Amino acid sequence: LRDLLESLSRAEDIVKVHEARLAEKETTSLTPSEVQDYVLTLKVRLTLR
């Protein structure tokens, strides 16, 4: 249970970092390739944790 809570906390931190990065952009790109890159980055980071 402790490991699960730690994993959830790390995942939340990762999402917060990416949200902050997106907020720094004046506009968020909705091009499929950029959205796909973002999703893949999140998946990789979550599986590495």
N, C-alpha and C. Protein backbone atom coordinates (compact mmCIF):
# COMPACT_ATOMS: atom_id res chain seq x y z
N LEU A 1 0.83 -1.19 0.00
CA LEU A 1 0.00 0.00 0.00
C LEU A 1 0.88 1.26 0.00
N ARG A 2 1.95 1.22 0.77
CA ARG A 2 2.87 2.36 0.82
C ARG A 2 3.49 2.61 -0.55
N ASP A 3 3.91 1.54 -1.22
CA ASP A 3 4.50 1.69 -2.56
C ASP A 3 3.51 2.30 -3.54
N LEU A 4 2.26 1.86 -3.44
CA LEU A 4 1.22 2.40 -4.32
C LEU A 4 1.04 3.90 -4.09
N LEU A 5 0.98 4.30 -2.83
CA LEU A 5 0.83 5.72 -2.52
C LEU A 5 2.02 6.54 -3.00
N GLU A 6 3.22 5.99 -2.87
CA GLU A 6 4.41 6.68 -3.35
C GLU A 6 4.39 6.82 -4.87
N SER A 7 3.95 5.76 -5.55
CA SER A 7 3.85 5.81 -7.01
C SER A 7 2.84 6.85 -7.46
N LEU A 8 1.72 6.90 -6.77
CA LEU A 8 0.70 7.88 -7.11
C LEU A 8 1.21 9.30 -6.89
N SER A 9 1.96 9.48 -5.83
CA SER A 9 2.52 10.80 -5.54
C SER A 9 3.51 11.21 -6.62
N ARG A 10 4.36 10.29 -7.05
CA ARG A 10 5.33 10.59 -8.12
C ARG A 10 4.61 10.91 -9.43
N ALA A 11 3.56 10.13 -9.73
CA ALA A 11 2.80 10.38 -10.96
C ALA A 11 2.16 11.76 -10.91
N GLU A 12 1.63 12.13 -9.76
CA GLU A 12 1.04 13.45 -9.60
C GLU A 12 2.09 14.54 -9.81
N ASP A 13 3.28 14.34 -9.28
CA ASP A 13 4.36 15.31 -9.47
C ASP A 13 4.72 15.47 -10.94
N ILE A 14 4.78 14.36 -11.65
CA ILE A 14 5.11 14.40 -13.08
C ILE A 14 4.05 15.18 -13.84
N VAL A 15 2.80 14.91 -13.54
CA VAL A 15 1.71 15.62 -14.22
C VAL A 15 1.78 17.12 -13.91
N LYS A 16 2.07 17.47 -12.67
CA LYS A 16 2.17 18.89 -12.30
C LYS A 16 3.29 19.59 -13.07
N VAL A 17 4.41 18.92 -13.24
CA VAL A 17 5.52 19.50 -14.00
C VAL A 17 5.09 19.76 -15.44
N HIS A 18 4.43 18.78 -16.04
CA HIS A 18 4.00 18.96 -17.43
C HIS A 18 2.91 20.02 -17.55
N GLU A 19 2.04 20.10 -16.57
CA GLU A 19 1.02 21.16 -16.59
C GLU A 19 1.69 22.53 -16.53
N ALA A 20 2.70 22.66 -15.70
CA ALA A 20 3.42 23.93 -15.60
C ALA A 20 4.10 24.28 -16.91
N ARG A 21 4.68 23.29 -17.56
CA ARG A 21 5.34 23.55 -18.84
C ARG A 21 4.33 24.00 -19.88
N LEU A 22 3.17 23.37 -19.89
CA LEU A 22 2.14 23.77 -20.85
C LEU A 22 1.63 25.17 -20.55
N ALA A 23 1.52 25.51 -19.29
CA ALA A 23 1.04 26.84 -18.91
C ALA A 23 2.03 27.93 -19.33
N GLU A 24 3.30 27.58 -19.44
CA GLU A 24 4.31 28.55 -19.86
C GLU A 24 4.17 28.93 -21.33
N LYS A 25 3.59 28.05 -22.11
CA LYS A 25 3.38 28.36 -23.52
C LYS A 25 2.23 29.35 -23.64
N GLU A 26 2.35 30.27 -24.57
CA GLU A 26 1.24 31.21 -24.78
C GLU A 26 0.02 30.49 -25.32
N THR A 27 0.26 29.55 -26.20
CA THR A 27 -0.84 28.74 -26.72
C THR A 27 -0.40 27.29 -26.68
N THR A 28 -1.34 26.44 -26.44
CA THR A 28 -1.05 25.02 -26.41
C THR A 28 -1.30 24.44 -27.79
N SER A 29 -0.34 23.75 -28.30
CA SER A 29 -0.47 23.16 -29.62
C SER A 29 -1.45 22.00 -29.58
N LEU A 30 -2.28 21.94 -30.57
CA LEU A 30 -3.21 20.83 -30.68
C LEU A 30 -2.88 19.98 -31.90
N THR A 31 -1.68 20.16 -32.44
CA THR A 31 -1.31 19.31 -33.56
C THR A 31 -1.17 17.89 -33.06
N PRO A 32 -1.67 16.94 -33.82
CA PRO A 32 -1.64 15.54 -33.37
C PRO A 32 -0.24 15.05 -33.00
N SER A 33 0.77 15.46 -33.74
CA SER A 33 2.12 14.97 -33.44
C SER A 33 2.62 15.49 -32.09
N GLU A 34 2.36 16.75 -31.77
CA GLU A 34 2.81 17.28 -30.48
C GLU A 34 2.03 16.68 -29.33
N VAL A 35 0.74 16.46 -29.51
CA VAL A 35 -0.06 15.82 -28.46
C VAL A 35 0.43 14.39 -28.25
N GLN A 36 0.71 13.68 -29.33
CA GLN A 36 1.20 12.31 -29.23
C GLN A 36 2.56 12.28 -28.52
N ASP A 37 3.44 13.21 -28.84
CA ASP A 37 4.74 13.28 -28.17
C ASP A 37 4.56 13.50 -26.67
N TYR A 38 3.64 14.37 -26.31
CA TYR A 38 3.38 14.66 -24.90
C TYR A 38 2.87 13.41 -24.18
N VAL A 39 1.93 12.71 -24.79
CA VAL A 39 1.37 11.50 -24.18
C VAL A 39 2.46 10.43 -24.03
N LEU A 40 3.28 10.26 -25.03
CA LEU A 40 4.36 9.27 -24.96
C LEU A 40 5.36 9.62 -23.87
N THR A 41 5.67 10.90 -23.74
CA THR A 41 6.59 11.34 -22.68
C THR A 41 6.02 11.00 -21.31
N LEU A 42 4.75 11.26 -21.12
CA LEU A 42 4.12 10.93 -19.83
C LEU A 42 4.17 9.43 -19.57
N LYS A 43 3.86 8.63 -20.59
CA LYS A 43 3.86 7.17 -20.41
C LYS A 43 5.25 6.67 -20.03
N VAL A 44 6.26 7.17 -20.72
CA VAL A 44 7.63 6.74 -20.45
C VAL A 44 8.03 7.12 -19.04
N ARG A 45 7.74 8.33 -18.65
CA ARG A 45 8.12 8.78 -17.31
C ARG A 45 7.39 8.01 -16.22
N LEU A 46 6.14 7.68 -16.46
CA LEU A 46 5.39 6.93 -15.46
C LEU A 46 5.88 5.49 -15.34
N THR A 47 6.31 4.90 -16.45
CA THR A 47 6.79 3.52 -16.38
C THR A 47 8.20 3.44 -15.81
N LEU A 48 8.97 4.52 -15.91
CA LEU A 48 10.33 4.52 -15.37
C LEU A 48 10.34 4.71 -13.86
N ARG A 49 9.28 5.18 -13.32
CA ARG A 49 9.23 5.46 -11.87
C ARG A 49 8.93 4.22 -11.09
